Amino acid sequence: MQTTQTTPSTTRAVPPQSAGTPARDVAGSPAGNALSHYQIMRRNGAVVPFEPNKIAIAMMKAFLAVHG
C-alpha cells in the first residue's frame, strides 16, 4: 500500500481534549479535515481519501476475530 503525504513546516501545540468533545485541530475545524489531504492507493490502483472510520471498524473486527 502506498500513501502520499505532505508535512507541515511548522509545529503547533495541541490543547488537551475533554472526554465529551470531538477532537479538533488548532484552527478549530474537526480533526477529520486534518486527515483529508492523505490519499490511499488501493490494491486495484484506485486512489481514495483516508477514512479513519473505516480503520476503526477494521480494527474492531480484527480484535473481535481474535478475542471473540
N, C-alpha and C. Protein backbone atom coordinates (compact mmCIF):
# COMPACT_ATOMS: atom_id res chain seq x y z
N MET A 1 0.85 -1.17 0.00
CA MET A 1 0.00 0.00 0.00
C MET A 1 0.89 1.23 0.00
N GLN A 2 0.57 2.18 -0.83
CA GLN A 2 1.34 3.40 -0.91
C GLN A 2 0.46 4.57 -0.48
N THR A 3 1.08 5.49 0.23
CA THR A 3 0.35 6.69 0.60
C THR A 3 1.19 7.89 0.21
N THR A 4 0.53 8.99 -0.08
CA THR A 4 1.23 10.23 -0.33
C THR A 4 0.85 11.19 0.76
N GLN A 5 1.82 11.97 1.20
CA GLN A 5 1.53 12.91 2.27
C GLN A 5 2.44 14.12 2.16
N THR A 6 2.00 15.21 2.71
CA THR A 6 2.82 16.39 2.83
C THR A 6 2.92 16.71 4.31
N THR A 7 4.07 17.19 4.72
CA THR A 7 4.25 17.51 6.12
C THR A 7 4.30 19.02 6.28
N PRO A 8 3.62 19.55 7.28
CA PRO A 8 3.66 21.00 7.51
C PRO A 8 5.05 21.42 7.98
N SER A 9 5.41 22.66 7.66
CA SER A 9 6.74 23.15 8.02
C SER A 9 6.79 23.69 9.44
N THR A 10 5.64 23.89 10.06
CA THR A 10 5.62 24.38 11.43
C THR A 10 4.93 23.38 12.33
N THR A 11 5.30 23.41 13.59
CA THR A 11 4.63 22.55 14.56
C THR A 11 3.76 23.42 15.45
N ARG A 12 2.62 22.87 15.84
CA ARG A 12 1.69 23.61 16.68
C ARG A 12 1.39 22.80 17.93
N ALA A 13 1.21 23.50 19.02
CA ALA A 13 0.82 22.83 20.27
C ALA A 13 -0.67 22.52 20.20
N VAL A 14 -1.04 21.33 20.62
CA VAL A 14 -2.43 20.91 20.62
C VAL A 14 -2.95 20.96 22.04
N PRO A 15 -4.03 21.70 22.30
CA PRO A 15 -4.57 21.77 23.66
C PRO A 15 -5.18 20.43 24.06
N PRO A 16 -5.20 20.12 25.36
CA PRO A 16 -5.80 18.85 25.80
C PRO A 16 -7.30 18.84 25.51
N GLN A 17 -7.83 17.64 25.24
CA GLN A 17 -9.25 17.49 24.91
C GLN A 17 -9.99 16.90 26.10
N SER A 18 -11.20 17.37 26.32
CA SER A 18 -12.03 16.74 27.33
C SER A 18 -12.73 15.53 26.70
N ALA A 19 -13.22 14.61 27.52
CA ALA A 19 -13.79 13.37 27.02
C ALA A 19 -15.07 13.59 26.22
N GLY A 20 -15.79 14.66 26.47
CA GLY A 20 -17.07 14.87 25.81
C GLY A 20 -17.01 15.64 24.50
N THR A 21 -15.87 16.18 24.13
CA THR A 21 -15.79 16.98 22.92
C THR A 21 -15.02 16.24 21.84
N PRO A 22 -15.41 16.40 20.57
CA PRO A 22 -14.67 15.75 19.49
C PRO A 22 -13.31 16.41 19.31
N ALA A 23 -12.36 15.65 18.79
CA ALA A 23 -11.01 16.17 18.58
C ALA A 23 -11.05 17.26 17.51
N ARG A 24 -10.35 18.33 17.75
CA ARG A 24 -10.27 19.43 16.79
C ARG A 24 -8.81 19.87 16.68
N ASP A 25 -8.45 20.36 15.50
CA ASP A 25 -7.10 20.88 15.36
C ASP A 25 -7.06 22.32 15.85
N VAL A 26 -5.90 22.94 15.77
CA VAL A 26 -5.71 24.28 16.33
C VAL A 26 -6.59 25.31 15.63
N ALA A 27 -6.85 25.13 14.34
CA ALA A 27 -7.65 26.10 13.60
C ALA A 27 -9.13 26.03 13.96
N GLY A 28 -9.55 24.99 14.69
CA GLY A 28 -10.93 24.90 15.12
C GLY A 28 -11.79 24.01 14.25
N SER A 29 -11.24 23.48 13.16
CA SER A 29 -12.02 22.57 12.33
C SER A 29 -11.89 21.15 12.87
N PRO A 30 -12.83 20.28 12.57
CA PRO A 30 -12.74 18.90 13.07
C PRO A 30 -11.45 18.23 12.62
N ALA A 31 -10.92 17.34 13.47
CA ALA A 31 -9.65 16.69 13.18
C ALA A 31 -9.71 15.86 11.91
N GLY A 32 -10.89 15.38 11.51
CA GLY A 32 -11.03 14.63 10.27
C GLY A 32 -10.59 15.43 9.06
N ASN A 33 -10.80 16.75 9.10
CA ASN A 33 -10.36 17.59 7.99
C ASN A 33 -8.85 17.66 7.90
N ALA A 34 -8.16 17.47 9.02
CA ALA A 34 -6.71 17.49 9.00
C ALA A 34 -6.17 16.28 8.25
N LEU A 35 -6.94 15.20 8.19
CA LEU A 35 -6.51 13.99 7.50
C LEU A 35 -6.97 13.95 6.06
N SER A 36 -7.71 14.95 5.61
CA SER A 36 -8.28 14.92 4.28
C SER A 36 -7.23 15.00 3.18
N HIS A 37 -6.03 15.48 3.48
CA HIS A 37 -5.00 15.56 2.44
C HIS A 37 -4.27 14.24 2.23
N TYR A 38 -4.51 13.23 3.08
CA TYR A 38 -3.91 11.91 2.89
C TYR A 38 -4.69 11.15 1.83
N GLN A 39 -3.97 10.56 0.90
CA GLN A 39 -4.57 9.76 -0.16
C GLN A 39 -4.05 8.33 -0.05
N ILE A 40 -4.93 7.35 -0.17
CA ILE A 40 -4.58 5.95 -0.06
C ILE A 40 -4.72 5.31 -1.44
N MET A 41 -3.71 4.52 -1.84
CA MET A 41 -3.80 3.79 -3.09
C MET A 41 -4.24 2.36 -2.77
N ARG A 42 -5.39 1.97 -3.29
CA ARG A 42 -5.92 0.64 -3.06
C ARG A 42 -5.20 -0.38 -3.93
N ARG A 43 -5.44 -1.65 -3.65
CA ARG A 43 -4.81 -2.73 -4.42
C ARG A 43 -5.18 -2.69 -5.89
N ASN A 44 -6.37 -2.20 -6.20
CA ASN A 44 -6.79 -2.13 -7.60
C ASN A 44 -6.29 -0.87 -8.30
N GLY A 45 -5.51 -0.05 -7.60
CA GLY A 45 -4.93 1.15 -8.20
C GLY A 45 -5.74 2.41 -7.97
N ALA A 46 -6.93 2.30 -7.43
CA ALA A 46 -7.76 3.48 -7.17
C ALA A 46 -7.18 4.29 -6.02
N VAL A 47 -7.19 5.60 -6.16
CA VAL A 47 -6.72 6.49 -5.10
C VAL A 47 -7.94 7.06 -4.39
N VAL A 48 -8.01 6.84 -3.08
CA VAL A 48 -9.17 7.25 -2.29
C VAL A 48 -8.70 8.06 -1.09
N PRO A 49 -9.56 8.92 -0.54
CA PRO A 49 -9.18 9.68 0.66
C PRO A 49 -9.11 8.77 1.88
N PHE A 50 -8.27 9.14 2.84
CA PHE A 50 -8.13 8.40 4.10
C PHE A 50 -9.40 8.56 4.91
N GLU A 51 -9.94 7.45 5.41
CA GLU A 51 -11.17 7.48 6.21
C GLU A 51 -10.92 6.79 7.54
N PRO A 52 -10.73 7.56 8.63
CA PRO A 52 -10.46 6.98 9.95
C PRO A 52 -11.55 6.03 10.43
N ASN A 53 -12.80 6.27 10.06
CA ASN A 53 -13.89 5.39 10.50
C ASN A 53 -13.72 3.98 9.97
N LYS A 54 -13.27 3.85 8.72
CA LYS A 54 -13.05 2.52 8.15
C LYS A 54 -11.92 1.80 8.88
N ILE A 55 -10.89 2.54 9.28
CA ILE A 55 -9.78 1.94 10.03
C ILE A 55 -10.28 1.45 11.38
N ALA A 56 -11.09 2.26 12.05
CA ALA A 56 -11.62 1.88 13.37
C ALA A 56 -12.48 0.62 13.27
N ILE A 57 -13.31 0.54 12.25
CA ILE A 57 -14.16 -0.64 12.08
C ILE A 57 -13.32 -1.88 11.80
N ALA A 58 -12.30 -1.75 10.96
CA ALA A 58 -11.43 -2.89 10.65
C ALA A 58 -10.67 -3.35 11.89
N MET A 59 -10.22 -2.40 12.72
CA MET A 59 -9.51 -2.77 13.95
C MET A 59 -10.45 -3.49 14.92
N MET A 60 -11.69 -3.02 15.02
CA MET A 60 -12.66 -3.67 15.90
C MET A 60 -12.96 -5.09 15.42
N LYS A 61 -13.15 -5.26 14.12
CA LYS A 61 -13.43 -6.59 13.57
C LYS A 61 -12.25 -7.53 13.81
N ALA A 62 -11.03 -7.04 13.64
CA ALA A 62 -9.85 -7.88 13.87
C ALA A 62 -9.74 -8.27 15.34
N PHE A 63 -10.00 -7.34 16.24
CA PHE A 63 -9.96 -7.63 17.67
C PHE A 63 -11.00 -8.68 18.04
N LEU A 64 -12.22 -8.52 17.53
CA LEU A 64 -13.28 -9.48 17.84
C LEU A 64 -12.99 -10.86 17.25
N ALA A 65 -12.33 -10.89 16.10
CA ALA A 65 -11.99 -12.17 15.49
C ALA A 65 -10.97 -12.93 16.33
N VAL A 66 -10.06 -12.21 16.98
CA VAL A 66 -9.02 -12.85 17.79
C VAL A 66 -9.52 -13.14 19.20
N HIS A 67 -10.20 -12.16 19.80
CA HIS A 67 -10.60 -12.29 21.21
C HIS A 67 -12.08 -12.59 21.39
N GLY A 68 -12.82 -12.71 20.29
CA GLY A 68 -14.23 -13.00 20.19
C GLY A 68 -15.03 -13.00 21.37
